[in-house]
C-alpha cells in the first residue's frame, strides 16, 4: 500500500530536532508522497521548503497564510510598504515556480476565526495570490476558517474571468458548502479531524465527496488523528485517517489510497519520473 499526504508543514519548528526520523516513520508506514507547505512570507520559508523537498524527494507549495497576510508589518502597516513587500514576495515565488517540485500556491485564503491580520488585508493578499496562481499556472491551496461565504465569493468573482483550480485544504464545512466547492471544480481534502468523536459533519462530507475529488492530509504538526490526538501530528499518522475514510465510504484502504494518489496527481499536475 502506498499513500500520499497532500498537506503538511515539515519546515515547522516542531520537526527541527527529528525530521529524519519523522520521514523514516512516514516511509515505513507507506507514505510514499508528501506535499510540504512553506507558507510564511520570507524567502527563508521558501528556501527551506525547497531544501526539504529536494533532500527527501518530496513536493512543496508556497504562498502566504492569512495569518501572515499583513506581511509582518503589524503596527508599522501602511499601503505603500504593504504593496512593495507583497510584490517582492510574488516575484520571489515566480522565480521558484519553475522548480519541478513546486506544485501549488498556498496555503492562501481567509481566517476570520483568529483574525491575526486585518480582514481587508487578508482579502487583498488572497486576491493577489489567486492572480499569481494563474500567472505561474499552479493550483491554489485554500485555507478558509469562519469565512466560507467570503472565500467562496472571492473565488466566484475571480473565476468569472479567469479559470481557477485547486483544493480546499482541511475542509471544515458541511455537505451544502462542500457542494458549492465541488460545483466550482475544486478538490476537497479531509484531515485527521474526521477521526474525532464529535466530527460527524466531517464524516458526512467525507462520505459525500465524489471519488475523483477526494484528497487526504495530516496538516502536521497540527490536528493529530485519534488515537494520537493531543500529540504532535506527523505524516505516519495519516494511516488512521485513511482507515476512517475507507470505513466511512465502505471501500478498501488500498482502493482509497490509489484514488487519492490519482486525484492528487491530477490536482497538482504531478508526473512521476
C-alpha atoms as a PDB file:
ATOM      1  CA  UNK A   1       0.000   0.000   0.000  1.00  0.00           C
ATOM      2  CA  UNK A   2       1.276   3.455  -0.905  1.00  0.00           C
ATOM      3  CA  UNK A   3      -0.157   6.697   0.483  1.00  0.00           C
ATOM      4  CA  UNK A   4       0.075  10.433  -0.096  1.00  0.00           C
ATOM      5  CA  UNK A   5      -0.108  13.217   2.488  1.00  0.00           C
ATOM      6  CA  UNK A   6      -1.291  16.198   0.466  1.00  0.00           C
ATOM      7  CA  UNK A   7      -0.650  18.886   3.083  1.00  0.00           C
ATOM      8  CA  UNK A   8       1.835  19.109   5.934  1.00  0.00           C
ATOM      9  CA  UNK A   9       4.383  21.558   7.311  1.00  0.00           C
ATOM     10  CA  UNK A  10       7.738  19.811   7.581  1.00  0.00           C
ATOM     11  CA  UNK A  11       9.592  23.124   7.995  1.00  0.00           C
ATOM     12  CA  UNK A  12       7.715  23.779  11.260  1.00  0.00           C
ATOM     13  CA  UNK A  13       9.888  24.146  14.349  1.00  0.00           C
ATOM     14  CA  UNK A  14       8.181  21.040  15.793  1.00  0.00           C
ATOM     15  CA  UNK A  15      10.254  18.899  13.404  1.00  0.00           C
ATOM     16  CA  UNK A  16      13.626  20.618  13.776  1.00  0.00           C
ATOM     17  CA  UNK A  17      15.150  18.004  16.043  1.00  0.00           C
ATOM     18  CA  UNK A  18      13.993  14.766  14.403  1.00  0.00           C
ATOM     19  CA  UNK A  19      12.937  15.386  10.802  1.00  0.00           C
ATOM     20  CA  UNK A  20      14.935  12.399   9.543  1.00  0.00           C
ATOM     21  CA  UNK A  21      13.126  10.086  11.931  1.00  0.00           C
ATOM     22  CA  UNK A  22       9.734  11.622  11.063  1.00  0.00           C
ATOM     23  CA  UNK A  23      10.326  10.995   7.352  1.00  0.00           C
ATOM     24  CA  UNK A  24      11.576   7.480   8.012  1.00  0.00           C
ATOM     25  CA  UNK A  25       8.466   6.616  10.045  1.00  0.00           C
ATOM     26  CA  UNK A  26       6.296   8.014   7.261  1.00  0.00           C
ATOM     27  CA  UNK A  27       8.043   5.913   4.619  1.00  0.00           C
ATOM     28  CA  UNK A  28       7.777   2.808   6.801  1.00  0.00           C
ATOM     29  CA  UNK A  29       4.031   3.464   7.109  1.00  0.00           C
ATOM     30  CA  UNK A  30       3.607   3.561   3.349  1.00  0.00           C
ATOM     31  CA  UNK A  31       3.584   7.334   2.860  1.00  0.00           C
ATOM     32  CA  UNK A  32       5.332   7.496  -0.488  1.00  0.00           C
ATOM     33  CA  UNK A  33       4.391  11.061  -1.433  1.00  0.00           C
ATOM     34  CA  UNK A  34       4.183  14.275   0.609  1.00  0.00           C
ATOM     35  CA  UNK A  35       3.478  17.912  -0.193  1.00  0.00           C
ATOM     36  CA  UNK A  36       5.104  20.177   2.365  1.00  0.00           C
ATOM     37  CA  UNK A  37       3.782  23.719   2.658  1.00  0.00           C
ATOM     38  CA  UNK A  38       6.125  26.694   3.021  1.00  0.00           C
ATOM     39  CA  UNK A  39       3.553  29.368   3.759  1.00  0.00           C
ATOM     40  CA  UNK A  40       5.494  32.079   5.574  1.00  0.00           C
ATOM     41  CA  UNK A  41       6.220  35.440   3.974  1.00  0.00           C
ATOM     42  CA  UNK A  42      10.016  35.466   3.876  1.00  0.00           C
ATOM     43  CA  UNK A  43      12.460  33.909   1.429  1.00  0.00           C
ATOM     44  CA  UNK A  44      13.827  31.654   4.172  1.00  0.00           C
ATOM     45  CA  UNK A  45      10.484  29.823   4.240  1.00  0.00           C
ATOM     46  CA  UNK A  46      10.621  29.144   0.516  1.00  0.00           C
ATOM     47  CA  UNK A  47      14.255  28.126   0.693  1.00  0.00           C
ATOM     48  CA  UNK A  48      13.531  25.677   3.497  1.00  0.00           C
ATOM     49  CA  UNK A  49      10.584  24.144   1.638  1.00  0.00           C
ATOM     50  CA  UNK A  50      12.784  23.663  -1.420  1.00  0.00           C
ATOM     51  CA  UNK A  51      15.619  22.201   0.638  1.00  0.00           C
ATOM     52  CA  UNK A  52      13.357  19.711   2.410  1.00  0.00           C
ATOM     53  CA  UNK A  53      11.635  18.670  -0.800  1.00  0.00           C
ATOM     54  CA  UNK A  54      14.958  18.074  -2.532  1.00  0.00           C
ATOM     55  CA  UNK A  55      16.565  16.303   0.431  1.00  0.00           C
ATOM     56  CA  UNK A  56      13.694  13.864   0.883  1.00  0.00           C
ATOM     57  CA  UNK A  57      12.319  13.631  -2.659  1.00  0.00           C
ATOM     58  CA  UNK A  58       9.049  15.399  -1.813  1.00  0.00           C
ATOM     59  CA  UNK A  59       6.893  18.108  -3.370  1.00  0.00           C
ATOM     60  CA  UNK A  60       6.215  21.573  -1.991  1.00  0.00           C
ATOM     61  CA  UNK A  61       3.874  24.525  -2.305  1.00  0.00           C
ATOM     62  CA  UNK A  62       4.278  28.067  -1.068  1.00  0.00           C
ATOM     63  CA  UNK A  63       2.234  31.201  -0.565  1.00  0.00           C
ATOM     64  CA  UNK A  64       1.197  33.473   2.303  1.00  0.00           C
ATOM     65  CA  UNK A  65      -1.104  32.133   5.016  1.00  0.00           C
ATOM     66  CA  UNK A  66      -3.942  34.503   6.006  1.00  0.00           C
ATOM     67  CA  UNK A  67      -2.402  34.774   9.484  1.00  0.00           C
ATOM     68  CA  UNK A  68       0.591  36.435   7.801  1.00  0.00           C
ATOM     69  CA  UNK A  69      -1.374  38.487   5.268  1.00  0.00           C
ATOM     70  CA  UNK A  70      -0.059  41.781   6.672  1.00  0.00           C
ATOM     71  CA  UNK A  71       3.435  40.504   5.825  1.00  0.00           C
ATOM     72  CA  UNK A  72       4.894  41.216   9.242  1.00  0.00           C
ATOM     73  CA  UNK A  73       4.169  44.941   9.126  1.00  0.00           C
ATOM     74  CA  UNK A  74       1.728  44.882  12.086  1.00  0.00           C
ATOM     75  CA  UNK A  75       1.715  48.321  13.737  1.00  0.00           C
ATOM     76  CA  UNK A  76       4.022  49.656  11.025  1.00  0.00           C
ATOM     77  CA  UNK A  77       1.483  48.820   8.334  1.00  0.00           C
ATOM     78  CA  UNK A  78       0.899  51.267   5.503  1.00  0.00           C
ATOM     79  CA  UNK A  79      -0.314  50.784   1.953  1.00  0.00           C
ATOM     80  CA  UNK A  80       2.956  51.585   0.181  1.00  0.00           C
ATOM     81  CA  UNK A  81       5.082  49.286   2.341  1.00  0.00           C
ATOM     82  CA  UNK A  82       2.495  46.525   2.071  1.00  0.00           C
ATOM     83  CA  UNK A  83       2.279  46.689  -1.709  1.00  0.00           C
ATOM     84  CA  UNK A  84       6.041  46.810  -2.092  1.00  0.00           C
ATOM     85  CA  UNK A  85       6.590  43.838   0.197  1.00  0.00           C
ATOM     86  CA  UNK A  86       3.752  41.856  -1.388  1.00  0.00           C
ATOM     87  CA  UNK A  87       5.102  42.333  -4.908  1.00  0.00           C
ATOM     88  CA  UNK A  88       8.559  41.341  -3.708  1.00  0.00           C
ATOM     89  CA  UNK A  89       7.161  38.078  -2.361  1.00  0.00           C
ATOM     90  CA  UNK A  90       5.228  37.484  -5.553  1.00  0.00           C
ATOM     91  CA  UNK A  91       8.401  37.934  -7.598  1.00  0.00           C
ATOM     92  CA  UNK A  92      10.279  35.538  -5.305  1.00  0.00           C
ATOM     93  CA  UNK A  93       7.631  32.870  -5.855  1.00  0.00           C
ATOM     94  CA  UNK A  94       7.579  33.458  -9.593  1.00  0.00           C
ATOM     95  CA  UNK A  95      11.314  32.792  -9.671  1.00  0.00           C
ATOM     96  CA  UNK A  96      10.994  29.450  -7.905  1.00  0.00           C
ATOM     97  CA  UNK A  97       7.793  28.373  -9.674  1.00  0.00           C
ATOM     98  CA  UNK A  98       9.789  26.605 -12.398  1.00  0.00           C
ATOM     99  CA  UNK A  99      11.156  24.173  -9.811  1.00  0.00           C
ATOM    100  CA  UNK A 100       9.658  20.827 -10.779  1.00  0.00           C
ATOM    101  CA  UNK A 101       8.913  20.058  -7.128  1.00  0.00           C
ATOM    102  CA  UNK A 102       6.735  23.149  -6.653  1.00  0.00           C
ATOM    103  CA  UNK A 103       3.156  22.012  -7.231  1.00  0.00           C
ATOM    104  CA  UNK A 104       0.925  24.760  -5.836  1.00  0.00           C
ATOM    105  CA  UNK A 105       0.308  28.254  -4.449  1.00  0.00           C
ATOM    106  CA  UNK A 106      -0.658  28.118  -0.802  1.00  0.00           C
ATOM    107  CA  UNK A 107      -1.823  27.896   1.586  1.00  0.00           C
ATOM    108  CA  UNK A 108      -3.739  31.098   0.951  1.00  0.00           C
ATOM    109  CA  UNK A 109      -7.198  32.310   1.884  1.00  0.00           C
ATOM    110  CA  UNK A 110      -9.099  33.852   4.783  1.00  0.00           C
ATOM    111  CA  UNK A 111      -9.145  33.145   8.522  1.00  0.00           C
ATOM    112  CA  UNK A 112     -11.781  35.125  10.429  1.00  0.00           C
ATOM    113  CA  UNK A 113     -11.501  32.877  13.499  1.00  0.00           C
ATOM    114  CA  UNK A 114      -8.158  34.191  14.724  1.00  0.00           C
ATOM    115  CA  UNK A 115      -8.142  37.436  12.701  1.00  0.00           C
ATOM    116  CA  UNK A 116      -4.368  37.719  13.060  1.00  0.00           C
ATOM    117  CA  UNK A 117      -4.315  40.048  10.054  1.00  0.00           C
ATOM    118  CA  UNK A 118      -6.976  42.672   9.250  1.00  0.00           C
ATOM    119  CA  UNK A 119      -9.754  41.224   7.137  1.00  0.00           C
ATOM    120  CA  UNK A 120      -9.396  43.717   4.307  1.00  0.00           C
ATOM    121  CA  UNK A 121      -5.673  42.936   4.137  1.00  0.00           C
ATOM    122  CA  UNK A 122      -6.393  39.187   4.129  1.00  0.00           C
ATOM    123  CA  UNK A 123      -8.732  39.676   1.174  1.00  0.00           C
ATOM    124  CA  UNK A 124      -6.228  41.802  -0.715  1.00  0.00           C
ATOM    125  CA  UNK A 125      -3.392  39.317  -0.189  1.00  0.00           C
ATOM    126  CA  UNK A 126      -5.643  36.390  -1.082  1.00  0.00           C
ATOM    127  CA  UNK A 127      -6.677  38.030  -4.344  1.00  0.00           C
ATOM    128  CA  UNK A 128      -3.079  38.794  -5.334  1.00  0.00           C
ATOM    129  CA  UNK A 129      -2.108  35.161  -4.843  1.00  0.00           C
ATOM    130  CA  UNK A 130      -5.064  33.979  -6.883  1.00  0.00           C
ATOM    131  CA  UNK A 131      -3.727  36.178  -9.659  1.00  0.00           C
ATOM    132  CA  UNK A 132      -0.249  34.738  -9.143  1.00  0.00           C
ATOM    133  CA  UNK A 133      -1.583  31.196  -9.475  1.00  0.00           C
ATOM    134  CA  UNK A 134      -2.873  31.967 -12.951  1.00  0.00           C
ATOM    135  CA  UNK A 135       0.395  33.679 -13.901  1.00  0.00           C
ATOM    136  CA  UNK A 136       2.504  30.658 -12.970  1.00  0.00           C
ATOM    137  CA  UNK A 137      -0.192  28.102 -13.826  1.00  0.00           C
ATOM    138  CA  UNK A 138      -0.264  26.409 -10.451  1.00  0.00           C
ATOM    139  CA  UNK A 139      -3.316  25.262  -8.445  1.00  0.00           C
ATOM    140  CA  UNK A 140      -4.256  27.059  -5.238  1.00  0.00           C
ATOM    141  CA  UNK A 141      -4.417  25.539  -1.759  1.00  0.00           C
ATOM    142  CA  UNK A 142      -7.260  27.281   0.059  1.00  0.00           C
ATOM    143  CA  UNK A 143      -7.424  27.924   3.815  1.00  0.00           C
ATOM    144  CA  UNK A 144     -10.878  29.031   4.964  1.00  0.00           C
ATOM    145  CA  UNK A 145     -11.907  29.256   8.600  1.00  0.00           C
ATOM    146  CA  UNK A 146     -15.080  31.027   9.747  1.00  0.00           C
ATOM    147  CA  UNK A 147     -15.008  32.749   6.359  1.00  0.00           C
ATOM    148  CA  UNK A 148     -16.645  30.368   3.892  1.00  0.00           C
ATOM    149  CA  UNK A 149     -19.055  32.886   2.384  1.00  0.00           C
ATOM    150  CA  UNK A 150     -16.347  35.468   1.808  1.00  0.00           C
ATOM    151  CA  UNK A 151     -13.870  32.870   0.496  1.00  0.00           C
ATOM    152  CA  UNK A 152     -16.259  31.302  -1.996  1.00  0.00           C
ATOM    153  CA  UNK A 153     -17.457  34.756  -3.043  1.00  0.00           C
ATOM    154  CA  UNK A 154     -13.937  35.919  -3.891  1.00  0.00           C
ATOM    155  CA  UNK A 155     -13.267  32.701  -5.795  1.00  0.00           C
ATOM    156  CA  UNK A 156     -16.504  33.003  -7.771  1.00  0.00           C
ATOM    157  CA  UNK A 157     -15.814  36.612  -8.689  1.00  0.00           C
ATOM    158  CA  UNK A 158     -12.254  35.812  -9.690  1.00  0.00           C
ATOM    159  CA  UNK A 159     -13.091  32.679 -11.672  1.00  0.00           C
ATOM    160  CA  UNK A 160     -15.741  34.583 -13.609  1.00  0.00           C
ATOM    161  CA  UNK A 161     -12.985  35.946 -15.813  1.00  0.00           C
ATOM    162  CA  UNK A 162     -10.040  33.598 -15.211  1.00  0.00           C
ATOM    163  CA  UNK A 163     -10.261  29.811 -14.635  1.00  0.00           C
ATOM    164  CA  UNK A 164      -9.021  28.816 -11.170  1.00  0.00           C
ATOM    165  CA  UNK A 165      -8.324  25.317  -9.832  1.00  0.00           C
ATOM    166  CA  UNK A 166      -7.098  23.746  -6.630  1.00  0.00           C
ATOM    167  CA  UNK A 167      -8.151  22.314  -3.282  1.00  0.00           C
ATOM    168  CA  UNK A 168      -9.895  23.406  -0.101  1.00  0.00           C
ATOM    169  CA  UNK A 169      -7.465  22.000   2.453  1.00  0.00           C
ATOM    170  CA  UNK A 170      -8.540  20.812   5.905  1.00  0.00           C
ATOM    171  CA  UNK A 171     -12.162  21.302   4.907  1.00  0.00           C
ATOM    172  CA  UNK A 172     -14.381  22.132   7.881  1.00  0.00           C
ATOM    173  CA  UNK A 173     -17.700  22.949   6.213  1.00  0.00           C
ATOM    174  CA  UNK A 174     -20.887  20.955   5.827  1.00  0.00           C
ATOM    175  CA  UNK A 175     -22.283  18.994   2.890  1.00  0.00           C
ATOM    176  CA  UNK A 176     -24.052  22.021   1.410  1.00  0.00           C
ATOM    177  CA  UNK A 177     -20.820  24.018   1.443  1.00  0.00           C
ATOM    178  CA  UNK A 178     -18.907  21.046   0.052  1.00  0.00           C
ATOM    179  CA  UNK A 179     -21.360  21.004  -2.844  1.00  0.00           C
ATOM    180  CA  UNK A 180     -20.552  24.638  -3.632  1.00  0.00           C
ATOM    181  CA  UNK A 181     -16.832  23.873  -3.609  1.00  0.00           C
ATOM    182  CA  UNK A 182     -17.283  20.853  -5.866  1.00  0.00           C
ATOM    183  CA  UNK A 183     -19.503  22.828  -8.248  1.00  0.00           C
ATOM    184  CA  UNK A 184     -16.566  25.193  -8.781  1.00  0.00           C
ATOM    185  CA  UNK A 185     -14.345  22.275  -9.740  1.00  0.00           C
ATOM    186  CA  UNK A 186     -12.225  22.216  -6.582  1.00  0.00           C
ATOM    187  CA  UNK A 187     -10.968  19.182  -4.731  1.00  0.00           C
ATOM    188  CA  UNK A 188     -11.668  18.742  -1.003  1.00  0.00           C
ATOM    189  CA  UNK A 189      -9.064  17.486   1.459  1.00  0.00           C
ATOM    190  CA  UNK A 190     -10.036  15.643   4.631  1.00  0.00           C
ATOM    191  CA  UNK A 191      -7.761  15.894   7.728  1.00  0.00           C
ATOM    192  CA  UNK A 192      -7.431  13.757  10.841  1.00  0.00           C
ATOM    193  CA  UNK A 193     -10.316  15.640  12.461  1.00  0.00           C
ATOM    194  CA  UNK A 194     -12.561  13.103  10.716  1.00  0.00           C
ATOM    195  CA  UNK A 195     -11.489  10.591  13.389  1.00  0.00           C
ATOM    196  CA  UNK A 196     -12.653  12.804  16.281  1.00  0.00           C
ATOM    197  CA  UNK A 197     -15.693  11.622  18.235  1.00  0.00           C
ATOM    198  CA  UNK A 198     -17.806  14.712  17.536  1.00  0.00           C
ATOM    199  CA  UNK A 199     -16.807  15.167  13.893  1.00  0.00           C
ATOM    200  CA  UNK A 200     -19.996  13.714  12.410  1.00  0.00           C
ATOM    201  CA  UNK A 201     -20.415  16.602   9.971  1.00  0.00           C
ATOM    202  CA  UNK A 202     -16.953  15.977   8.560  1.00  0.00           C
ATOM    203  CA  UNK A 203     -17.715  12.279   8.265  1.00  0.00           C
ATOM    204  CA  UNK A 204     -20.850  13.174   6.287  1.00  0.00           C
ATOM    205  CA  UNK A 205     -18.701  15.300   3.982  1.00  0.00           C
ATOM    206  CA  UNK A 206     -16.124  12.506   3.610  1.00  0.00           C
ATOM    207  CA  UNK A 207     -18.950  10.187   2.567  1.00  0.00           C
ATOM    208  CA  UNK A 208     -20.391  12.770   0.157  1.00  0.00           C
ATOM    209  CA  UNK A 209     -17.297  13.770  -1.846  1.00  0.00           C
ATOM    210  CA  UNK A 210     -17.112  12.038  -5.243  1.00  0.00           C
ATOM    211  CA  UNK A 211     -14.306   9.510  -5.581  1.00  0.00           C
ATOM    212  CA  UNK A 212     -12.432  11.671  -8.096  1.00  0.00           C
ATOM    213  CA  UNK A 213     -12.386  14.830  -5.912  1.00  0.00           C
ATOM    214  CA  UNK A 214     -11.192  13.486  -2.568  1.00  0.00           C
ATOM    215  CA  UNK A 215      -7.800  14.241  -1.048  1.00  0.00           C
ATOM    216  CA  UNK A 216      -6.435  13.327   2.410  1.00  0.00           C
ATOM    217  CA  UNK A 217      -3.921  15.189   4.584  1.00  0.00           C
ATOM    218  CA  UNK A 218      -2.409  15.441   8.050  1.00  0.00           C
ATOM    219  CA  UNK A 219      -1.772  19.207   8.293  1.00  0.00           C
ATOM    220  CA  UNK A 220       1.094  18.047  10.525  1.00  0.00           C
ATOM    221  CA  UNK A 221       2.277  19.072  13.059  1.00  0.00           C
ATOM    222  CA  UNK A 222      -1.344  20.056  13.800  1.00  0.00           C
ATOM    223  CA  UNK A 223      -4.569  18.049  14.244  1.00  0.00           C
ATOM    224  CA  UNK A 224      -3.271  14.589  15.069  1.00  0.00           C
ATOM    225  CA  UNK A 225      -5.935  11.927  14.496  1.00  0.00           C
ATOM    226  CA  UNK A 226      -7.259   9.513  17.096  1.00  0.00           C
ATOM    227  CA  UNK A 227      -5.502   7.666  18.786  1.00  0.00           C
ATOM    228  CA  UNK A 228      -2.742  10.311  18.720  1.00  0.00           C
ATOM    229  CA  UNK A 229      -4.985  13.297  19.410  1.00  0.00           C
ATOM    230  CA  UNK A 230      -3.226  15.892  21.552  1.00  0.00           C
ATOM    231  CA  UNK A 231       0.234  14.842  20.390  1.00  0.00           C
ATOM    232  CA  UNK A 232       2.388  16.380  17.687  1.00  0.00           C
ATOM    233  CA  UNK A 233       0.992  15.188  14.386  1.00  0.00           C
ATOM    234  CA  UNK A 234       3.293  13.617  11.819  1.00  0.00           C
ATOM    235  CA  UNK A 235       2.812  12.057   8.374  1.00  0.00           C
ATOM    236  CA  UNK A 236       2.940   8.432   9.541  1.00  0.00           C
ATOM    237  CA  UNK A 237      -0.291   9.068  11.458  1.00  0.00           C
ATOM    238  CA  UNK A 238      -2.203   9.610   8.205  1.00  0.00           C
ATOM    239  CA  UNK A 239      -2.835   5.865   8.098  1.00  0.00           C
ATOM    240  CA  UNK A 240      -5.527   6.390  10.770  1.00  0.00           C
ATOM    241  CA  UNK A 241      -7.293   8.960   8.599  1.00  0.00           C
ATOM    242  CA  UNK A 242      -7.221   6.672   5.578  1.00  0.00           C
ATOM    243  CA  UNK A 243      -8.673   3.862   7.697  1.00  0.00           C
ATOM    244  CA  UNK A 244     -11.528   6.057   8.912  1.00  0.00           C
ATOM    245  CA  UNK A 245     -12.363   7.448   5.476  1.00  0.00           C
ATOM    246  CA  UNK A 246     -12.218   3.982   3.902  1.00  0.00           C
ATOM    247  CA  UNK A 247     -14.639   2.724   6.554  1.00  0.00           C
ATOM    248  CA  UNK A 248     -16.972   5.692   6.035  1.00  0.00           C
ATOM    249  CA  UNK A 249     -17.036   5.133   2.281  1.00  0.00           C
ATOM    250  CA  UNK A 250     -17.209   1.327   2.569  1.00  0.00           C
ATOM    251  CA  UNK A 251     -14.161   0.762   0.371  1.00  0.00           C
ATOM    252  CA  UNK A 252     -10.822  -0.919   0.957  1.00  0.00           C
ATOM    253  CA  UNK A 253      -7.976   1.259   2.182  1.00  0.00           C
ATOM    254  CA  UNK A 254      -5.895   0.156  -0.830  1.00  0.00           C
ATOM    255  CA  UNK A 255      -8.590   1.289  -3.249  1.00  0.00           C
ATOM    256  CA  UNK A 256      -8.984   4.600  -1.409  1.00  0.00           C
ATOM    257  CA  UNK A 257      -5.233   5.171  -1.343  1.00  0.00           C
ATOM    258  CA  UNK A 258      -4.885   4.686  -5.084  1.00  0.00           C
ATOM    259  CA  UNK A 259      -7.814   7.011  -5.757  1.00  0.00           C
ATOM    260  CA  UNK A 260      -6.328   9.736  -3.569  1.00  0.00           C
ATOM    261  CA  UNK A 261      -2.935   9.447  -5.263  1.00  0.00           C
ATOM    262  CA  UNK A 262      -4.593   9.639  -8.672  1.00  0.00           C
ATOM    263  CA  UNK A 263      -6.638  12.677  -7.611  1.00  0.00           C
ATOM    264  CA  UNK A 264      -3.604  14.375  -6.090  1.00  0.00           C
ATOM    265  CA  UNK A 265      -1.552  13.917  -9.238  1.00  0.00           C
ATOM    266  CA  UNK A 266      -4.416  15.383 -11.260  1.00  0.00           C
ATOM    267  CA  UNK A 267      -4.991  18.299  -8.907  1.00  0.00           C
ATOM    268  CA  UNK A 268      -1.334  19.259  -8.625  1.00  0.00           C
ATOM    269  CA  UNK A 269      -0.273  18.172 -12.112  1.00  0.00           C
ATOM    270  CA  UNK A 270       2.280  15.744 -10.668  1.00  0.00           C
ATOM    271  CA  UNK A 271       4.070  13.379 -13.017  1.00  0.00           C
ATOM    272  CA  UNK A 272       6.179  10.521 -11.769  1.00  0.00           C
ATOM    273  CA  UNK A 273       9.701  10.288 -13.168  1.00  0.00           C
END
